[in-house]
C-alpha atoms as a PDB file:
ATOM      1  CA  PHE A   1       6.373  -2.483  11.447  1.00  0.00           C
ATOM      2  CA  GLU A   2       6.795  -1.678  15.080  1.00  0.00           C
ATOM      3  CA  ALA A   3       4.224  -1.901  17.841  1.00  0.00           C
ATOM      4  CA  PRO A   4       4.697   1.707  19.076  1.00  0.00           C
ATOM      5  CA  LEU A   5       3.941   3.043  15.603  1.00  0.00           C
ATOM      6  CA  ARG A   6       0.860   0.851  15.310  1.00  0.00           C
ATOM      7  CA  ALA A   7      -0.291   2.054  18.756  1.00  0.00           C
ATOM      8  CA  ARG A   8       0.134   5.686  17.690  1.00  0.00           C
ATOM      9  CA  VAL A   9      -1.822   5.058  14.485  1.00  0.00           C
ATOM     10  CA  ASP A  10      -4.638   3.371  16.432  1.00  0.00           C
ATOM     11  CA  ALA A  11      -4.673   6.174  19.012  1.00  0.00           C
ATOM     12  CA  GLY A  12      -4.804   8.749  16.237  1.00  0.00           C
ATOM     13  CA  ALA A  13      -7.701   6.949  14.565  1.00  0.00           C
ATOM     14  CA  THR A  14      -9.586   6.779  17.869  1.00  0.00           C
ATOM     15  CA  ARG A  15      -8.960  10.454  18.582  1.00  0.00           C
ATOM     16  CA  THR A  16     -10.054  11.341  15.043  1.00  0.00           C
ATOM     17  CA  GLY A  17     -13.328   9.510  15.611  1.00  0.00           C
ATOM     18  CA  GLU A  18     -13.866  11.295  18.910  1.00  0.00           C
ATOM     19  CA  LEU A  19     -13.165  14.690  17.360  1.00  0.00           C
ATOM     20  CA  GLY A  20     -15.449  13.888  14.449  1.00  0.00           C
ATOM     21  CA  ALA A  21     -18.292  13.045  16.840  1.00  0.00           C
ATOM     22  CA  ALA A  22     -17.646  16.211  18.853  1.00  0.00           C
ATOM     23  CA  LEU A  23     -17.589  18.229  15.642  1.00  0.00           C
ATOM     24  CA  ARG A  24     -20.926  16.820  14.530  1.00  0.00           C
ATOM     25  CA  GLU A  25     -22.414  17.571  17.956  1.00  0.00           C
ATOM     26  CA  LEU A  26     -21.119  21.128  17.831  1.00  0.00           C
ATOM     27  CA  GLY A  27     -22.474  21.508  14.323  1.00  0.00           C
ATOM     28  CA  ALA A  28     -25.949  20.486  15.456  1.00  0.00           C
ATOM     29  CA  GLY A  29     -25.738  22.827  18.450  1.00  0.00           C
ATOM     30  CA  GLU A  30     -24.521  25.627  16.213  1.00  0.00           C
ATOM     31  CA  VAL A  31     -27.477  25.201  13.856  1.00  0.00           C
ATOM     32  CA  GLU A  32     -29.915  25.276  16.778  1.00  0.00           C
ATOM     33  CA  LEU A  33     -28.285  28.327  18.350  1.00  0.00           C
ATOM     34  CA  ARG A  34     -28.137  30.138  15.040  1.00  0.00           C
ATOM     35  CA  GLN A  35     -31.850  29.504  14.527  1.00  0.00           C
ATOM     36  CA  ARG A  36     -32.658  30.680  18.046  1.00  0.00           C
ATOM     37  CA  ALA A  37     -30.503  33.776  17.594  1.00  0.00           C
ATOM     38  CA  GLU A  38     -32.206  34.619  14.319  1.00  0.00           C
ATOM     39  CA  GLU A  39     -35.635  34.133  15.898  1.00  0.00           C
ATOM     40  CA  ALA A  40     -34.665  36.332  18.851  1.00  0.00           C
ATOM     41  CA  ALA A  41     -33.326  39.024  16.521  1.00  0.00           C
ATOM     42  CA  GLN A  42     -36.440  38.923  14.373  1.00  0.00           C
ATOM     43  CA  ARG A  43     -38.722  39.101  17.406  1.00  0.00           C
ATOM     44  CA  ALA A  44     -36.708  41.973  18.879  1.00  0.00           C
ATOM     45  CA  THR A  45     -36.986  43.856  15.590  1.00  0.00           C
ATOM     46  CA  GLU A  46     -40.730  43.277  15.419  1.00  0.00           C
ATOM     47  CA  ILE A  47     -41.178  44.481  19.006  1.00  0.00           C
ATOM     48  CA  GLU A  48     -39.020  47.534  18.373  1.00  0.00           C
ATOM     49  CA  ILE A  49     -41.048  48.462  15.276  1.00  0.00           C
ATOM     50  CA  GLU A  50     -44.334  47.909  17.099  1.00  0.00           C
ATOM     51  CA  LEU A  51     -43.173  49.967  20.088  1.00  0.00           C
ATOM     52  CA  THR A  52     -42.077  52.789  17.814  1.00  0.00           C
ATOM     53  CA  ARG A  53     -45.473  52.810  16.125  1.00  0.00           C
ATOM     54  CA  ILE A  54     -47.357  52.696  19.438  1.00  0.00           C
ATOM     55  CA  GLU A  55     -45.240  55.452  20.956  1.00  0.00           C
ATOM     56  CA  GLY A  56     -45.841  57.589  17.868  1.00  0.00           C
ATOM     57  CA  ASP A  57     -49.595  57.021  18.001  1.00  0.00           C
ATOM     58  CA  ALA A  58     -49.632  57.709  21.751  1.00  0.00           C
ATOM     59  CA  ALA A  59     -47.657  60.921  21.315  1.00  0.00           C
ATOM     60  CA  ASP A  60     -50.069  62.063  18.617  1.00  0.00           C
ATOM     61  CA  ALA A  61     -53.092  61.255  20.810  1.00  0.00           C
ATOM     62  CA  ARG A  62     -51.559  63.097  23.787  1.00  0.00           C
ATOM     63  CA  ARG A  63     -50.876  66.149  21.626  1.00  0.00           C
ATOM     64  CA  ARG A  64     -54.442  66.224  20.361  1.00  0.00           C
ATOM     65  CA  LEU A  65     -55.746  65.660  23.895  1.00  0.00           C
ATOM     66  CA  ALA A  66     -53.668  68.590  25.159  1.00  0.00           C
ATOM     67  CA  GLU A  67     -54.972  70.825  22.374  1.00  0.00           C
ATOM     68  CA  ALA A  68     -58.571  69.847  23.190  1.00  0.00           C
ATOM     69  CA  ALA A  69     -58.009  70.618  26.874  1.00  0.00           C
ATOM     70  CA  ALA A  70     -56.503  74.005  26.082  1.00  0.00           C
ATOM     71  CA  GLU A  71     -59.400  75.047  23.858  1.00  0.00           C
ATOM     72  CA  PRO A  72     -62.496  73.152  24.975  1.00  0.00           C
ATOM     73  CA  ALA A  73     -65.189  72.945  22.343  1.00  0.00           C
ATOM     74  CA  GLU A  74     -68.532  71.341  22.144  1.00  0.00           C
ATOM     75  CA  GLY A  75     -68.435  67.904  20.620  1.00  0.00           C
ATOM     76  CA  ASP A  76     -64.663  67.426  21.004  1.00  0.00           C
ATOM     77  CA  ASP A  77     -63.274  63.888  21.323  1.00  0.00           C
ATOM     78  CA  ARG A  78     -61.220  64.247  24.504  1.00  0.00           C
ATOM     79  CA  GLY A  79     -62.799  61.166  26.050  1.00  0.00           C
ATOM     80  CA  GLU A  80     -62.051  59.074  23.002  1.00  0.00           C
ATOM     81  CA  LEU A  81     -58.498  60.413  22.819  1.00  0.00           C
ATOM     82  CA  ALA A  82     -57.890  59.652  26.507  1.00  0.00           C
ATOM     83  CA  ALA A  83     -59.208  56.129  26.033  1.00  0.00           C
ATOM     84  CA  ARG A  84     -56.941  55.641  23.018  1.00  0.00           C
ATOM     85  CA  VAL A  85     -53.925  56.830  24.970  1.00  0.00           C
ATOM     86  CA  GLU A  86     -54.731  54.303  27.690  1.00  0.00           C
ATOM     87  CA  ARG A  87     -55.085  51.486  25.138  1.00  0.00           C
ATOM     88  CA  LEU A  88     -51.803  52.376  23.470  1.00  0.00           C
ATOM     89  CA  GLU A  89     -50.028  52.560  26.828  1.00  0.00           C
ATOM     90  CA  ALA A  90     -51.456  49.176  27.805  1.00  0.00           C
ATOM     91  CA  ARG A  91     -50.312  47.738  24.485  1.00  0.00           C
ATOM     92  CA  ARG A  92     -46.849  49.183  24.992  1.00  0.00           C
ATOM     93  CA  ILE A  93     -46.650  47.646  28.450  1.00  0.00           C
ATOM     94  CA  GLN A  94     -47.878  44.326  27.058  1.00  0.00           C
ATOM     95  CA  LEU A  95     -45.187  44.323  24.381  1.00  0.00           C
ATOM     96  CA  GLY A  96     -42.572  45.023  26.990  1.00  0.00           C
ATOM     97  CA  GLN A  97     -43.786  41.991  28.974  1.00  0.00           C
ATOM     98  CA  VAL A  98     -43.532  39.657  25.949  1.00  0.00           C
ATOM     99  CA  ASN A  99     -39.770  39.482  26.322  1.00  0.00           C
ATOM    100  CA  PRO A 100     -38.168  42.352  28.203  1.00  0.00           C
ATOM    101  CA  LEU A 101     -34.756  40.677  27.798  1.00  0.00           C
ATOM    102  CA  ALA A 102     -35.002  39.926  24.069  1.00  0.00           C
ATOM    103  CA  LYS A 103     -31.934  42.031  23.241  1.00  0.00           C
ATOM    104  CA  GLU A 104     -29.924  40.553  26.094  1.00  0.00           C
ATOM    105  CA  GLU A 105     -30.895  37.018  25.088  1.00  0.00           C
ATOM    106  CA  TYR A 106     -29.961  37.709  21.498  1.00  0.00           C
ATOM    107  CA  ASP A 107     -26.555  39.028  22.544  1.00  0.00           C
ATOM    108  CA  ALA A 108     -26.045  35.985  24.797  1.00  0.00           C
ATOM    109  CA  GLU A 109     -27.029  33.565  22.017  1.00  0.00           C
ATOM    110  CA  LYS A 110     -24.750  35.376  19.589  1.00  0.00           C
ATOM    111  CA  GLU A 111     -21.832  35.167  22.021  1.00  0.00           C
ATOM    112  CA  ARG A 112     -22.470  31.456  22.564  1.00  0.00           C
ATOM    113  CA  LEU A 113     -22.625  30.961  18.817  1.00  0.00           C
ATOM    114  CA  GLU A 114     -19.270  32.674  18.391  1.00  0.00           C
ATOM    115  CA  GLU A 115     -17.804  30.384  21.072  1.00  0.00           C
ATOM    116  CA  LEU A 116     -19.142  27.332  19.258  1.00  0.00           C
ATOM    117  CA  GLU A 117     -17.706  28.551  15.978  1.00  0.00           C
ATOM    118  CA  THR A 118     -14.320  29.017  17.662  1.00  0.00           C
ATOM    119  CA  GLN A 119     -14.511  25.493  19.127  1.00  0.00           C
ATOM    120  CA  ARG A 120     -15.476  24.131  15.735  1.00  0.00           C
ATOM    121  CA  GLU A 121     -12.482  25.801  14.115  1.00  0.00           C
ATOM    122  CA  ASP A 122     -10.211  24.349  16.826  1.00  0.00           C
ATOM    123  CA  LEU A 123     -11.687  20.879  16.324  1.00  0.00           C
ATOM    124  CA  GLU A 124     -11.360  21.089  12.564  1.00  0.00           C
ATOM    125  CA  ARG A 125      -7.731  22.148  12.923  1.00  0.00           C
ATOM    126  CA  SER A 126      -7.056  19.289  15.374  1.00  0.00           C
ATOM    127  CA  LEU A 127      -8.803  16.880  13.031  1.00  0.00           C
ATOM    128  CA  LYS A 128      -6.599  17.947  10.125  1.00  0.00           C
ATOM    129  CA  GLU A 129      -3.482  17.622  12.285  1.00  0.00           C
ATOM    130  CA  LEU A 130      -4.510  14.128  13.407  1.00  0.00           C
ATOM    131  CA  ASP A 131      -5.290  13.093   9.843  1.00  0.00           C
ATOM    132  CA  ALA A 132      -1.865  14.336   8.777  1.00  0.00           C
ATOM    133  CA  LEU A 133      -0.212  12.481  11.686  1.00  0.00           C
ATOM    134  CA  ARG A 134      -2.135   9.294  10.920  1.00  0.00           C
ATOM    135  CA  THR A 135      -1.130   9.503   7.266  1.00  0.00           C
ATOM    136  CA  GLU A 136       2.491  10.110   8.231  1.00  0.00           C
ATOM    137  CA  LEU A 137       2.503   7.187  10.681  1.00  0.00           C
ATOM    138  CA  ALA A 138       0.819   4.884   8.176  1.00  0.00           C
ATOM    139  CA  GLU A 139       3.445   5.808   5.585  1.00  0.00           C
ATOM    140  CA  THR A 140       6.202   5.229   8.149  1.00  0.00           C
ATOM    141  CA  VAL A 141       4.778   1.824   9.090  1.00  0.00           C
ATOM    142  CA  GLU A 142       4.467   0.831   5.442  1.00  0.00           C
ATOM    143  CA  ARG A 143       7.967   2.055   4.628  1.00  0.00           C
ATOM    144  CA  ARG A 144       9.563   0.249   7.578  1.00  0.00           C
ATOM    145  CA  PHE A 145       7.631  -2.924   6.848  1.00  0.00           C
ATOM    146  CA  THR A 146       8.721  -2.812   3.205  1.00  0.00           C
ATOM    147  CA  GLU A 147      12.344  -2.169   4.175  1.00  0.00           C
ATOM    148  CA  THR A 148      12.309  -4.992   6.728  1.00  0.00           C
ATOM    149  CA  PHE A 149      10.542  -7.419   4.402  1.00  0.00           C
ATOM    150  CA  ASP A 150      12.957  -6.685   1.549  1.00  0.00           C
ATOM    151  CA  ALA A 151      15.926  -7.237   3.872  1.00  0.00           C
ATOM    152  CA  VAL A 152      14.494 -10.487   5.290  1.00  0.00           C
ATOM    153  CA  ALA A 153      13.600 -11.737   1.793  1.00  0.00           C
ATOM    154  CA  ALA A 154      17.133 -11.073   0.512  1.00  0.00           C
ATOM    155  CA  HIS A 155      18.725 -12.855   3.496  1.00  0.00           C
ATOM    156  CA  PHE A 156      16.248 -15.730   3.148  1.00  0.00           C
ATOM    157  CA  GLU A 157      17.358 -16.348  -0.429  1.00  0.00           C
ATOM    158  CA  GLU A 158      20.988 -16.288   0.732  1.00  0.00           C
ATOM    159  CA  VAL A 159      20.458 -18.697   3.648  1.00  0.00           C
ATOM    160  CA  ALA A 160      18.211 -21.026   1.616  1.00  0.00           C
ATOM    161  CA  THR A 161      20.976 -21.637  -0.931  1.00  0.00           C
ATOM    162  CA  THR A 162      23.153 -22.905   1.937  1.00  0.00           C
ATOM    163  CA  LEU A 163      20.550 -25.232   3.462  1.00  0.00           C
ATOM    164  CA  PHE A 164      19.185 -26.322   0.058  1.00  0.00           C
ATOM    165  CA  PRO A 165      22.248 -26.833  -2.180  1.00  0.00           C
ATOM    166  CA  GLY A 166      21.164 -26.557  -5.796  1.00  0.00           C
ATOM    167  CA  GLY A 167      17.797 -25.207  -4.685  1.00  0.00           C
ATOM    168  CA  GLU A 168      16.354 -21.836  -3.848  1.00  0.00           C
ATOM    169  CA  GLY A 169      13.888 -20.086  -1.575  1.00  0.00           C
ATOM    170  CA  ARG A 170      11.869 -16.915  -1.592  1.00  0.00           C
ATOM    171  CA  LEU A 171       9.361 -14.968   0.467  1.00  0.00           C
ATOM    172  CA  ARG A 172       6.182 -13.615  -1.067  1.00  0.00           C
ATOM    173  CA  LEU A 173       3.562 -11.207   0.259  1.00  0.00           C
ATOM    174  CA  VAL A 174       0.018 -12.549   0.081  1.00  0.00           C
ATOM    175  CA  GLU A 175      -3.422 -11.377   1.149  1.00  0.00           C
ATOM    176  CA  PRO A 176      -4.766 -13.993   3.588  1.00  0.00           C
ATOM    177  CA  ALA A 177      -8.430 -14.945   3.145  1.00  0.00           C
ATOM    178  CA  ASP A 178     -10.986 -15.301   5.923  1.00  0.00           C
ATOM    179  CA  ASP A 179     -13.179 -18.364   6.538  1.00  0.00           C
ATOM    180  CA  GLU A 180     -15.499 -17.338   3.688  1.00  0.00           C
ATOM    181  CA  GLY A 181     -12.691 -16.938   1.204  1.00  0.00           C
ATOM    182  CA  GLU A 182     -12.780 -13.148   1.252  1.00  0.00           C
ATOM    183  CA  PRO A 183      -9.503 -11.175   1.568  1.00  0.00           C
ATOM    184  CA  SER A 184      -8.894 -10.094   5.149  1.00  0.00           C
ATOM    185  CA  LEU A 185      -7.134  -7.018   6.468  1.00  0.00           C
ATOM    186  CA  GLY A 186      -3.337  -6.995   6.450  1.00  0.00           C
ATOM    187  CA  LEU A 187      -0.739  -8.970   4.527  1.00  0.00           C
ATOM    188  CA  GLY A 188       0.683 -12.426   5.081  1.00  0.00           C
ATOM    189  CA  ILE A 189       4.066 -13.875   4.148  1.00  0.00           C
ATOM    190  CA  GLU A 190       4.282 -17.069   2.127  1.00  0.00           C
ATOM    191  CA  VAL A 191       7.481 -19.129   2.374  1.00  0.00           C
ATOM    192  CA  GLU A 192       8.292 -20.901  -0.887  1.00  0.00           C
ATOM    193  CA  LEU A 193      11.181 -23.322  -1.390  1.00  0.00           C
ATOM    194  CA  ARG A 194      12.555 -25.381  -4.238  1.00  0.00           C
ATOM    195  CA  PRO A 195      14.776 -28.235  -3.074  1.00  0.00           C
ATOM    196  CA  ALA A 196      17.215 -29.480  -5.699  1.00  0.00           C
ATOM    197  CA  GLY A 197      15.428 -31.408  -8.438  1.00  0.00           C
ATOM    198  CA  LYS A 198      11.942 -30.410  -7.275  1.00  0.00           C
ATOM    199  CA  LYS A 199       9.381 -27.771  -8.126  1.00  0.00           C
ATOM    200  CA  ILE A 200       9.044 -24.645  -6.035  1.00  0.00           C
ATOM    201  CA  THR A 201       6.587 -25.448  -3.252  1.00  0.00           C
ATOM    202  CA  ARG A 202       4.965 -23.742  -0.304  1.00  0.00           C
ATOM    203  CA  LEU A 203       6.486 -24.564   3.073  1.00  0.00           C
ATOM    204  CA  GLY A 204       3.394 -26.454   4.242  1.00  0.00           C
ATOM    205  CA  MET A 205       3.662 -28.924   1.340  1.00  0.00           C
ATOM    206  CA  LEU A 206       7.250 -30.009   2.085  1.00  0.00           C
ATOM    207  CA  SER A 207       8.497 -32.975   4.099  1.00  0.00           C
ATOM    208  CA  GLY A 208       9.239 -32.685   7.804  1.00  0.00           C
ATOM    209  CA  GLY A 209      12.970 -32.214   7.339  1.00  0.00           C
ATOM    210  CA  GLU A 210      12.477 -29.708   4.534  1.00  0.00           C
ATOM    211  CA  LYS A 211      10.002 -27.771   6.672  1.00  0.00           C
ATOM    212  CA  ALA A 212      12.604 -27.617   9.452  1.00  0.00           C
ATOM    213  CA  LEU A 213      15.232 -26.334   7.025  1.00  0.00           C
ATOM    214  CA  GLY A 214      12.776 -23.751   5.685  1.00  0.00           C
ATOM    215  CA  ALA A 215      11.951 -22.589   9.213  1.00  0.00           C
ATOM    216  CA  ILE A 216      15.660 -22.332  10.061  1.00  0.00           C
ATOM    217  CA  SER A 217      16.216 -20.326   6.879  1.00  0.00           C
ATOM    218  CA  PHE A 218      13.480 -17.916   7.872  1.00  0.00           C
ATOM    219  CA  LEU A 219      14.817 -17.592  11.438  1.00  0.00           C
ATOM    220  CA  PHE A 220      18.309 -16.779  10.227  1.00  0.00           C
ATOM    221  CA  ALA A 221      16.919 -14.309   7.695  1.00  0.00           C
ATOM    222  CA  LEU A 222      15.205 -12.498  10.573  1.00  0.00           C
ATOM    223  CA  PHE A 223      18.417 -12.636  12.621  1.00  0.00           C
ATOM    224  CA  LEU A 224      20.428 -11.095   9.797  1.00  0.00           C
ATOM    225  CA  ALA A 225      17.858  -8.387   9.060  1.00  0.00           C
ATOM    226  CA  LYS A 226      17.594  -7.365  12.735  1.00  0.00           C
ATOM    227  CA  PRO A 227      20.912  -8.353  14.354  1.00  0.00           C
ATOM    228  CA  CYS A 228      21.122  -9.111  18.080  1.00  0.00           C
ATOM    229  CA  PRO A 229      24.118  -9.882  20.325  1.00  0.00           C
ATOM    230  CA  PHE A 230      23.059 -13.513  20.827  1.00  0.00           C
ATOM    231  CA  TYR A 231      20.379 -16.018  19.787  1.00  0.00           C
ATOM    232  CA  LEU A 232      18.847 -18.995  21.586  1.00  0.00           C
ATOM    233  CA  LEU A 233      17.948 -22.013  19.431  1.00  0.00           C
ATOM    234  CA  ASP A 234      16.111 -24.900  21.089  1.00  0.00           C
ATOM    235  CA  GLU A 235      16.589 -28.177  19.177  1.00  0.00           C
ATOM    236  CA  VAL A 236      15.730 -26.551  15.861  1.00  0.00           C
ATOM    237  CA  GLU A 237      17.695 -29.260  14.022  1.00  0.00           C
ATOM    238  CA  ALA A 238      16.130 -32.231  15.864  1.00  0.00           C
ATOM    239  CA  ALA A 239      14.293 -33.449  12.737  1.00  0.00           C
ATOM    240  CA  LEU A 240      17.335 -33.236  10.429  1.00  0.00           C
ATOM    241  CA  ASP A 241      19.549 -36.040   9.190  1.00  0.00           C
ATOM    242  CA  ASP A 242      23.339 -35.901   9.412  1.00  0.00           C
ATOM    243  CA  ALA A 243      23.790 -34.268   6.007  1.00  0.00           C
ATOM    244  CA  ASN A 244      21.370 -31.469   6.764  1.00  0.00           C
ATOM    245  CA  ILE A 245      22.763 -31.056  10.291  1.00  0.00           C
ATOM    246  CA  GLY A 246      26.106 -30.470   8.607  1.00  0.00           C
ATOM    247  CA  ARG A 247      24.568 -27.644   6.582  1.00  0.00           C
ATOM    248  CA  PHE A 248      23.023 -26.214   9.752  1.00  0.00           C
ATOM    249  CA  VAL A 249      26.422 -26.312  11.475  1.00  0.00           C
ATOM    250  CA  GLU A 250      27.960 -24.590   8.453  1.00  0.00           C
ATOM    251  CA  LEU A 251      25.386 -21.840   8.875  1.00  0.00           C
ATOM    252  CA  LEU A 252      26.290 -21.426  12.556  1.00  0.00           C
ATOM    253  CA  ARG A 253      29.997 -21.183  11.770  1.00  0.00           C
ATOM    254  CA  ARG A 254      29.406 -18.689   8.958  1.00  0.00           C
ATOM    255  CA  TYR A 255      27.682 -16.199  11.242  1.00  0.00           C
ATOM    256  CA  ALA A 256      29.454 -16.978  14.538  1.00  0.00           C
ATOM    257  CA  ASP A 257      31.613 -13.881  14.144  1.00  0.00           C
ATOM    258  CA  ARG A 258      28.471 -11.666  14.110  1.00  0.00           C
ATOM    259  CA  ALA A 259      26.650 -13.023  17.165  1.00  0.00           C
ATOM    260  CA  GLN A 260      26.750 -15.675  19.862  1.00  0.00           C
ATOM    261  CA  PHE A 261      24.545 -18.737  19.337  1.00  0.00           C
ATOM    262  CA  VAL A 262      23.247 -20.645  22.352  1.00  0.00           C
ATOM    263  CA  VAL A 263      21.974 -23.982  21.037  1.00  0.00           C
ATOM    264  CA  ILE A 264      20.075 -26.617  23.004  1.00  0.00           C
ATOM    265  CA  THR A 265      20.722 -29.894  21.205  1.00  0.00           C
ATOM    266  CA  HIS A 266      21.104 -33.654  21.441  1.00  0.00           C
ATOM    267  CA  GLN A 267      22.811 -33.902  18.060  1.00  0.00           C
ATOM    268  CA  LYS A 268      26.489 -34.851  18.121  1.00  0.00           C
ATOM    269  CA  ARG A 269      27.225 -33.029  14.870  1.00  0.00           C
ATOM    270  CA  THR A 270      25.962 -29.814  16.406  1.00  0.00           C
ATOM    271  CA  MET A 271      28.056 -30.350  19.549  1.00  0.00           C
ATOM    272  CA  GLU A 272      31.130 -30.738  17.362  1.00  0.00           C
ATOM    273  CA  ALA A 273      30.703 -27.156  16.176  1.00  0.00           C
ATOM    274  CA  ALA A 274      30.483 -25.717  19.698  1.00  0.00           C
ATOM    275  CA  ASP A 275      33.179 -23.663  21.381  1.00  0.00           C
ATOM    276  CA  VAL A 276      31.780 -24.412  24.849  1.00  0.00           C
ATOM    277  CA  LEU A 277      29.618 -27.338  25.976  1.00  0.00           C
ATOM    278  CA  TYR A 278      27.264 -27.234  28.963  1.00  0.00           C
ATOM    279  CA  GLY A 279      25.584 -30.337  30.305  1.00  0.00           C
ATOM    280  CA  VAL A 280      23.676 -31.665  33.278  1.00  0.00           C
ATOM    281  CA  THR A 281      24.812 -34.824  35.036  1.00  0.00           C
ATOM    282  CA  MET A 282      23.682 -36.647  38.152  1.00  0.00           C
ATOM    283  CA  GLY A 283      26.187 -37.440  40.859  1.00  0.00           C
ATOM    284  CA  GLY A 284      26.224 -40.447  43.113  1.00  0.00           C
ATOM    285  CA  ASP A 285      24.114 -38.618  45.674  1.00  0.00           C
ATOM    286  CA  GLY A 286      21.326 -38.125  43.113  1.00  0.00           C
ATOM    287  CA  VAL A 287      21.890 -34.371  42.863  1.00  0.00           C
ATOM    288  CA  SER A 288      22.017 -32.840  39.377  1.00  0.00           C
ATOM    289  CA  GLN A 289      25.144 -30.905  38.537  1.00  0.00           C
ATOM    290  CA  ILE A 290      25.957 -28.550  35.691  1.00  0.00           C
ATOM    291  CA  VAL A 291      29.251 -29.208  33.954  1.00  0.00           C
ATOM    292  CA  SER A 292      30.925 -27.161  31.270  1.00  0.00           C
ATOM    293  CA  ARG A 293      33.941 -27.469  29.067  1.00  0.00           C
ATOM    294  CA  ARG A 294      35.563 -25.155  26.584  1.00  0.00           C
ATOM    295  CA  LEU A 295      36.662 -27.195  23.608  1.00  0.00           C
ATOM    296  CA  PRO A 296      39.552 -26.575  21.283  1.00  0.00           C
ATOM    297  CA  ARG A 297      38.279 -27.082  17.759  1.00  0.00           C
ATOM    298  CA  GLU A 298      40.420 -30.200  17.230  1.00  0.00           C
ATOM    299  CA  ASP A 299      38.978 -31.871  20.376  1.00  0.00           C
ATOM    300  CA  ALA A 300      35.297 -31.162  19.721  1.00  0.00           C
ATOM    301  CA  ALA A 301      34.660 -34.228  17.571  1.00  0.00           C
ATOM    302  CA  ALA A 302      36.254 -36.570  20.080  1.00  0.00           C
ATOM    303  CA  VAL A 303      34.235 -35.196  22.996  1.00  0.00           C
ATOM    304  CA  ALA A 304      30.983 -35.350  21.024  1.00  0.00           C
ATOM    305  CA  GLY A 305      31.716 -38.961  20.191  1.00  0.00           C
END
């Protein structure tokens, strides 16, 4: 899988976490605002009912007071009615001072609540889009990894039969364990080889030369799965004997028409396979000089010797 895809998946996961936190914060704020709005609405309703009752009582008292003034009679209750009107008016004023902006505050809280609900809907939509993108990227990463692994595994089997005549090699996906023996995240690749006449063995259990051949097999499998114009190999065959160097050279010649191989080597058998040799020599003045020579195939063995 490719680094840009992994970076996009990680960025999507981070953004999803941020949106989730913002959504939870908005949810808490929405609950608080909804409660405050309901309390404001309830209080406004209570005040409105109380004011209506007081205004009705005051109007009734004023009417009775006016009637008593128009037709004075002994023992009337004008004083009591006037006092009641004053009490009701004071109560009305007091209610107005409790929260003269209750309706405005309720409307403001309601508007803020609607804004929060809109933000929440936007966040939920963004969260779904990010989840979909993360799922898509994860599927793309998994698909590309599977395709690449299958291609590398097939080429590894092909190359291994060349470097291990009569033997075989394969790649296997494994779940690496941590220090406590528990499976860790991600997958590992196990290289398994069976040299001729031996049991199939993990790469780490083979001899030095066999390990080198296994590593070369894996390198060439990667080359073939993801071709490039040229490859640089630095003494990869240094641990091989002449017979195995011959197999390595055969591998170079087989794929020389697909790419250019630049090989740093001290092995004569490898030099024999080269089309061009480059070397460093020291002149009589002690200054190093680079020399090169293009070799016809029939002259390569003589020059290497």
